[in-house]
Amino acid sequence: MANLTQRGDTHSKALGYALWIFGFTGSHRFYYGKSVTGTIRFFTLGLLGLGCLYDCWTLNHQITVTNRSRD
């Protein structure tokens, strides 16, 4: 029998991208529960900008994985 309840996403994509604008602080990493990499990004200014570029391409996937792992 199919599960009739809908799964709601626990983390917003819009908020994740808004926090990514300040990626050099690691704030989007903290929001998605990645405190270790968030701390590293905070103290290295987003891995000198390279981490921000990486997240630009992978943030959508990271959000999807985070929301699936919270089920």
PDB file of N, CA and C in Angstrom:
ATOM      1  N   MET A   1       0.819  -1.176   0.000  1.00  0.00           N
ATOM      2  CA  MET A   1       0.000   0.000   0.000  1.00  0.00           C
ATOM      3  C   MET A   1       0.874   1.256   0.000  1.00  0.00           C
ATOM      4  N   ALA A   2       0.493   2.211  -0.752  1.00  0.00           N
ATOM      5  CA  ALA A   2       1.291   3.433  -0.875  1.00  0.00           C
ATOM      6  C   ALA A   2       1.145   4.300   0.368  1.00  0.00           C
ATOM      7  N   ASN A   3       2.219   4.980   0.691  1.00  0.00           N
ATOM      8  CA  ASN A   3       2.201   5.920   1.799  1.00  0.00           C
ATOM      9  C   ASN A   3       1.519   7.195   1.314  1.00  0.00           C
ATOM     10  N   LEU A   4       0.427   7.572   1.967  1.00  0.00           N
ATOM     11  CA  LEU A   4      -0.361   8.712   1.497  1.00  0.00           C
ATOM     12  C   LEU A   4       0.105  10.046   2.063  1.00  0.00           C
ATOM     13  N   THR A   5       1.017  10.031   3.021  1.00  0.00           N
ATOM     14  CA  THR A   5       1.496  11.294   3.573  1.00  0.00           C
ATOM     15  C   THR A   5       2.618  11.833   2.697  1.00  0.00           C
ATOM     16  N   GLN A   6       2.624  13.133   2.539  1.00  0.00           N
ATOM     17  CA  GLN A   6       3.664  13.760   1.740  1.00  0.00           C
ATOM     18  C   GLN A   6       4.834  14.117   2.627  1.00  0.00           C
ATOM     19  N   ARG A   7       6.002  13.935   2.079  1.00  0.00           N
ATOM     20  CA  ARG A   7       7.223  14.286   2.797  1.00  0.00           C
ATOM     21  C   ARG A   7       7.516  15.746   2.528  1.00  0.00           C
ATOM     22  N   GLY A   8       7.655  16.523   3.576  1.00  0.00           N
ATOM     23  CA  GLY A   8       8.004  17.930   3.423  1.00  0.00           C
ATOM     24  C   GLY A   8       9.513  18.100   3.540  1.00  0.00           C
ATOM     25  N   ASP A   9      10.076  18.951   2.713  1.00  0.00           N
ATOM     26  CA  ASP A   9      11.503  19.220   2.804  1.00  0.00           C
ATOM     27  C   ASP A   9      11.797  19.971   4.094  1.00  0.00           C
ATOM     28  N   THR A  10      12.865  19.581   4.755  1.00  0.00           N
ATOM     29  CA  THR A  10      13.214  20.207   6.021  1.00  0.00           C
ATOM     30  C   THR A  10      14.074  21.447   5.828  1.00  0.00           C
ATOM     31  N   HIS A  11      14.712  21.567   4.687  1.00  0.00           N
ATOM     32  CA  HIS A  11      15.593  22.705   4.421  1.00  0.00           C
ATOM     33  C   HIS A  11      15.182  23.366   3.109  1.00  0.00           C
ATOM     34  N   SER A  12      15.076  24.669   3.141  1.00  0.00           N
ATOM     35  CA  SER A  12      14.638  25.440   1.990  1.00  0.00           C
ATOM     36  C   SER A  12      15.781  25.669   1.001  1.00  0.00           C
ATOM     37  N   LYS A  13      15.481  25.469  -0.279  1.00  0.00           N
ATOM     38  CA  LYS A  13      16.475  25.766  -1.309  1.00  0.00           C
ATOM     39  C   LYS A  13      16.700  27.268  -1.425  1.00  0.00           C
ATOM     40  N   ALA A  14      15.630  28.033  -1.318  1.00  0.00           N
ATOM     41  CA  ALA A  14      15.752  29.492  -1.432  1.00  0.00           C
ATOM     42  C   ALA A  14      16.640  30.052  -0.329  1.00  0.00           C
ATOM     43  N   LEU A  15      16.443  29.586   0.891  1.00  0.00           N
ATOM     44  CA  LEU A  15      17.269  30.066   1.991  1.00  0.00           C
ATOM     45  C   LEU A  15      18.709  29.589   1.830  1.00  0.00           C
ATOM     46  N   GLY A  16      18.886  28.377   1.338  1.00  0.00           N
ATOM     47  CA  GLY A  16      20.235  27.862   1.102  1.00  0.00           C
ATOM     48  C   GLY A  16      20.999  28.708   0.096  1.00  0.00           C
ATOM     49  N   TYR A  17      20.340  29.080  -0.987  1.00  0.00           N
ATOM     50  CA  TYR A  17      20.996  29.931  -1.983  1.00  0.00           C
ATOM     51  C   TYR A  17      21.214  31.342  -1.459  1.00  0.00           C
ATOM     52  N   ALA A  18      20.293  31.841  -0.641  1.00  0.00           N
ATOM     53  CA  ALA A  18      20.479  33.172  -0.047  1.00  0.00           C
ATOM     54  C   ALA A  18      21.694  33.168   0.885  1.00  0.00           C
ATOM     55  N   LEU A  19      21.862  32.110   1.659  1.00  0.00           N
ATOM     56  CA  LEU A  19      23.021  32.003   2.538  1.00  0.00           C
ATOM     57  C   LEU A  19      24.306  31.789   1.744  1.00  0.00           C
ATOM     58  N   TRP A  20      24.192  31.165   0.577  1.00  0.00           N
ATOM     59  CA  TRP A  20      25.373  30.921  -0.264  1.00  0.00           C
ATOM     60  C   TRP A  20      26.001  32.239  -0.728  1.00  0.00           C
ATOM     61  N   ILE A  21      25.176  33.272  -0.857  1.00  0.00           N
ATOM     62  CA  ILE A  21      25.704  34.583  -1.253  1.00  0.00           C
ATOM     63  C   ILE A  21      26.802  35.013  -0.292  1.00  0.00           C
ATOM     64  N   PHE A  22      26.659  34.630   0.972  1.00  0.00           N
ATOM     65  CA  PHE A  22      27.666  34.912   1.989  1.00  0.00           C
ATOM     66  C   PHE A  22      28.513  33.668   2.238  1.00  0.00           C
ATOM     67  N   GLY A  23      28.809  32.939   1.176  1.00  0.00           N
ATOM     68  CA  GLY A  23      29.497  31.652   1.256  1.00  0.00           C
ATOM     69  C   GLY A  23      30.839  31.690   1.949  1.00  0.00           C
ATOM     70  N   PHE A  24      31.508  32.813   1.900  1.00  0.00           N
ATOM     71  CA  PHE A  24      32.812  32.904   2.543  1.00  0.00           C
ATOM     72  C   PHE A  24      32.710  32.749   4.059  1.00  0.00           C
ATOM     73  N   THR A  25      31.491  32.871   4.618  1.00  0.00           N
ATOM     74  CA  THR A  25      31.307  32.675   6.058  1.00  0.00           C
ATOM     75  C   THR A  25      30.950  31.237   6.401  1.00  0.00           C
ATOM     76  N   GLY A  26      30.618  30.438   5.410  1.00  0.00           N
ATOM     77  CA  GLY A  26      30.222  29.052   5.651  1.00  0.00           C
ATOM     78  C   GLY A  26      28.796  28.904   6.167  1.00  0.00           C
ATOM     79  N   SER A  27      28.020  29.978   6.119  1.00  0.00           N
ATOM     80  CA  SER A  27      26.683  29.962   6.702  1.00  0.00           C
ATOM     81  C   SER A  27      25.756  28.925   6.074  1.00  0.00           C
ATOM     82  N   HIS A  28      25.831  28.735   4.767  1.00  0.00           N
ATOM     83  CA  HIS A  28      24.980  27.733   4.125  1.00  0.00           C
ATOM     84  C   HIS A  28      25.377  26.332   4.566  1.00  0.00           C
ATOM     85  N   ARG A  29      26.646  26.110   4.836  1.00  0.00           N
ATOM     86  CA  ARG A  29      27.095  24.811   5.336  1.00  0.00           C
ATOM     87  C   ARG A  29      26.530  24.531   6.721  1.00  0.00           C
ATOM     88  N   PHE A  30      26.526  25.530   7.582  1.00  0.00           N
ATOM     89  CA  PHE A  30      25.942  25.362   8.914  1.00  0.00           C
ATOM     90  C   PHE A  30      24.451  25.070   8.809  1.00  0.00           C
ATOM     91  N   TYR A  31      23.765  25.753   7.906  1.00  0.00           N
ATOM     92  CA  TYR A  31      22.321  25.574   7.731  1.00  0.00           C
ATOM     93  C   TYR A  31      21.988  24.136   7.342  1.00  0.00           C
ATOM     94  N   TYR A  32      22.825  23.529   6.529  1.00  0.00           N
ATOM     95  CA  TYR A  32      22.569  22.162   6.087  1.00  0.00           C
ATOM     96  C   TYR A  32      23.210  21.107   6.985  1.00  0.00           C
ATOM     97  N   GLY A  33      23.660  21.507   8.166  1.00  0.00           N
ATOM     98  CA  GLY A  33      24.154  20.552   9.147  1.00  0.00           C
ATOM     99  C   GLY A  33      25.581  20.096   8.931  1.00  0.00           C
ATOM    100  N   LYS A  34      26.332  20.815   8.144  1.00  0.00           N
ATOM    101  CA  LYS A  34      27.724  20.461   7.867  1.00  0.00           C
ATOM    102  C   LYS A  34      28.633  21.411   8.653  1.00  0.00           C
ATOM    103  N   SER A  35      28.639  21.228   9.966  1.00  0.00           N
ATOM    104  CA  SER A  35      29.337  22.174  10.832  1.00  0.00           C
ATOM    105  C   SER A  35      30.857  22.137  10.683  1.00  0.00           C
ATOM    106  N   VAL A  36      31.421  20.968  10.375  1.00  0.00           N
ATOM    107  CA  VAL A  36      32.880  20.886  10.215  1.00  0.00           C
ATOM    108  C   VAL A  36      33.327  21.690   9.000  1.00  0.00           C
ATOM    109  N   THR A  37      32.695  21.454   7.860  1.00  0.00           N
ATOM    110  CA  THR A  37      33.088  22.205   6.668  1.00  0.00           C
ATOM    111  C   THR A  37      32.660  23.669   6.780  1.00  0.00           C
ATOM    112  N   GLY A  38      31.590  23.944   7.515  1.00  0.00           N
ATOM    113  CA  GLY A  38      31.203  25.333   7.755  1.00  0.00           C
ATOM    114  C   GLY A  38      32.259  26.085   8.543  1.00  0.00           C
ATOM    115  N   THR A  39      32.818  25.423   9.552  1.00  0.00           N
ATOM    116  CA  THR A  39      33.875  26.039  10.361  1.00  0.00           C
ATOM    117  C   THR A  39      35.135  26.259   9.534  1.00  0.00           C
ATOM    118  N   ILE A  40      35.485  25.270   8.719  1.00  0.00           N
ATOM    119  CA  ILE A  40      36.659  25.408   7.846  1.00  0.00           C
ATOM    120  C   ILE A  40      36.461  26.571   6.881  1.00  0.00           C
ATOM    121  N   ARG A  41      35.278  26.656   6.290  1.00  0.00           N
ATOM    122  CA  ARG A  41      34.993  27.746   5.346  1.00  0.00           C
ATOM    123  C   ARG A  41      35.031  29.094   6.050  1.00  0.00           C
ATOM    124  N   PHE A  42      34.559  29.141   7.291  1.00  0.00           N
ATOM    125  CA  PHE A  42      34.547  30.397   8.031  1.00  0.00           C
ATOM    126  C   PHE A  42      35.969  30.908   8.258  1.00  0.00           C
ATOM    127  N   PHE A  43      36.859  30.028   8.687  1.00  0.00           N
ATOM    128  CA  PHE A  43      38.213  30.465   9.025  1.00  0.00           C
ATOM    129  C   PHE A  43      39.136  30.618   7.812  1.00  0.00           C
ATOM    130  N   THR A  44      38.734  30.107   6.651  1.00  0.00           N
ATOM    131  CA  THR A  44      39.573  30.235   5.453  1.00  0.00           C
ATOM    132  C   THR A  44      38.924  31.125   4.382  1.00  0.00           C
ATOM    133  N   LEU A  45      37.883  31.863   4.790  1.00  0.00           N
ATOM    134  CA  LEU A  45      37.144  32.729   3.858  1.00  0.00           C
ATOM    135  C   LEU A  45      36.655  31.956   2.641  1.00  0.00           C
ATOM    136  N   GLY A  46      35.960  30.861   2.913  1.00  0.00           N
ATOM    137  CA  GLY A  46      35.385  30.064   1.824  1.00  0.00           C
ATOM    138  C   GLY A  46      36.437  29.347   1.017  1.00  0.00           C
ATOM    139  N   LEU A  47      37.485  28.874   1.709  1.00  0.00           N
ATOM    140  CA  LEU A  47      38.626  28.238   1.034  1.00  0.00           C
ATOM    141  C   LEU A  47      39.183  29.171  -0.042  1.00  0.00           C
ATOM    142  N   LEU A  48      39.300  30.425   0.357  1.00  0.00           N
ATOM    143  CA  LEU A  48      39.801  31.501  -0.521  1.00  0.00           C
ATOM    144  C   LEU A  48      38.965  31.646  -1.790  1.00  0.00           C
ATOM    145  N   GLY A  49      37.676  31.417  -1.651  1.00  0.00           N
ATOM    146  CA  GLY A  49      36.752  31.582  -2.767  1.00  0.00           C
ATOM    147  C   GLY A  49      36.520  30.327  -3.574  1.00  0.00           C
ATOM    148  N   LEU A  50      37.421  29.369  -3.523  1.00  0.00           N
ATOM    149  CA  LEU A  50      37.257  28.145  -4.309  1.00  0.00           C
ATOM    150  C   LEU A  50      36.104  27.293  -3.795  1.00  0.00           C
ATOM    151  N   GLY A  51      35.902  27.286  -2.489  1.00  0.00           N
ATOM    152  CA  GLY A  51      34.784  26.545  -1.907  1.00  0.00           C
ATOM    153  C   GLY A  51      33.445  27.119  -2.329  1.00  0.00           C
ATOM    154  N   CYS A  52      33.392  28.422  -2.472  1.00  0.00           N
ATOM    155  CA  CYS A  52      32.163  29.076  -2.920  1.00  0.00           C
ATOM    156  C   CYS A  52      31.839  28.692  -4.365  1.00  0.00           C
ATOM    157  N   LEU A  53      32.856  28.630  -5.198  1.00  0.00           N
ATOM    158  CA  LEU A  53      32.644  28.207  -6.587  1.00  0.00           C
ATOM    159  C   LEU A  53      32.186  26.760  -6.657  1.00  0.00           C
ATOM    160  N   TYR A  54      32.792  25.910  -5.826  1.00  0.00           N
ATOM    161  CA  TYR A  54      32.383  24.501  -5.778  1.00  0.00           C
ATOM    162  C   TYR A  54      30.910  24.391  -5.386  1.00  0.00           C
ATOM    163  N   ASP A  55      30.505  25.133  -4.366  1.00  0.00           N
ATOM    164  CA  ASP A  55      29.122  25.075  -3.913  1.00  0.00           C
ATOM    165  C   ASP A  55      28.159  25.659  -4.928  1.00  0.00           C
ATOM    166  N   CYS A  56      28.620  26.572  -5.744  1.00  0.00           N
ATOM    167  CA  CYS A  56      27.785  27.124  -6.805  1.00  0.00           C
ATOM    168  C   CYS A  56      27.277  26.008  -7.720  1.00  0.00           C
ATOM    169  N   TRP A  57      28.142  25.055  -8.015  1.00  0.00           N
ATOM    170  CA  TRP A  57      27.781  23.960  -8.909  1.00  0.00           C
ATOM    171  C   TRP A  57      27.111  22.794  -8.187  1.00  0.00           C
ATOM    172  N   THR A  58      27.336  22.630  -6.901  1.00  0.00           N
ATOM    173  CA  THR A  58      26.833  21.436  -6.211  1.00  0.00           C
ATOM    174  C   THR A  58      25.773  21.706  -5.156  1.00  0.00           C
ATOM    175  N   LEU A  59      25.395  22.935  -4.925  1.00  0.00           N
ATOM    176  CA  LEU A  59      24.483  23.245  -3.833  1.00  0.00           C
ATOM    177  C   LEU A  59      23.125  22.580  -4.008  1.00  0.00           C
ATOM    178  N   ASN A  60      22.591  22.555  -5.199  1.00  0.00           N
ATOM    179  CA  ASN A  60      21.291  21.927  -5.430  1.00  0.00           C
ATOM    180  C   ASN A  60      21.331  20.452  -5.020  1.00  0.00           C
ATOM    181  N   HIS A  61      22.386  19.749  -5.383  1.00  0.00           N
ATOM    182  CA  HIS A  61      22.530  18.340  -5.012  1.00  0.00           C
ATOM    183  C   HIS A  61      22.691  18.191  -3.499  1.00  0.00           C
ATOM    184  N   GLN A  62      23.461  19.071  -2.879  1.00  0.00           N
ATOM    185  CA  GLN A  62      23.654  19.009  -1.432  1.00  0.00           C
ATOM    186  C   GLN A  62      22.331  19.192  -0.692  1.00  0.00           C
ATOM    187  N   ILE A  63      21.486  20.084  -1.185  1.00  0.00           N
ATOM    188  CA  ILE A  63      20.177  20.325  -0.572  1.00  0.00           C
ATOM    189  C   ILE A  63      19.309  19.075  -0.691  1.00  0.00           C
ATOM    190  N   THR A  64      19.289  18.475  -1.868  1.00  0.00           N
ATOM    191  CA  THR A  64      18.499  17.271  -2.086  1.00  0.00           C
ATOM    192  C   THR A  64      18.947  16.150  -1.169  1.00  0.00           C
ATOM    193  N   VAL A  65      20.243  15.944  -1.056  1.00  0.00           N
ATOM    194  CA  VAL A  65      20.776  14.888  -0.192  1.00  0.00           C
ATOM    195  C   VAL A  65      20.425  15.152   1.269  1.00  0.00           C
ATOM    196  N   THR A  66      20.533  16.391   1.700  1.00  0.00           N
ATOM    197  CA  THR A  66      20.219  16.741   3.090  1.00  0.00           C
ATOM    198  C   THR A  66      18.742  16.481   3.377  1.00  0.00           C
ATOM    199  N   ASN A  67      17.860  16.875   2.475  1.00  0.00           N
ATOM    200  CA  ASN A  67      16.432  16.666   2.692  1.00  0.00           C
ATOM    201  C   ASN A  67      16.077  15.175   2.683  1.00  0.00           C
ATOM    202  N   ARG A  68      16.733  14.388   1.873  1.00  0.00           N
ATOM    203  CA  ARG A  68      16.464  12.943   1.848  1.00  0.00           C
ATOM    204  C   ARG A  68      16.969  12.254   3.109  1.00  0.00           C
ATOM    205  N   SER A  69      18.078  12.719   3.644  1.00  0.00           N
ATOM    206  CA  SER A  69      18.652  12.073   4.827  1.00  0.00           C
ATOM    207  C   SER A  69      17.843  12.372   6.083  1.00  0.00           C
ATOM    208  N   ARG A  70      16.987  13.366   6.059  1.00  0.00           N
ATOM    209  CA  ARG A  70      16.175  13.737   7.223  1.00  0.00           C
ATOM    210  C   ARG A  70      14.886  12.939   7.314  1.00  0.00           C
ATOM    211  N   ASP A  71      14.606  12.086   6.343  1.00  0.00           N
ATOM    212  CA  ASP A  71      13.363  11.274   6.349  1.00  0.00           C
ATOM    213  C   ASP A  71      13.359  10.273   7.468  1.00  0.00           C
TER     214      ASP A  71
END
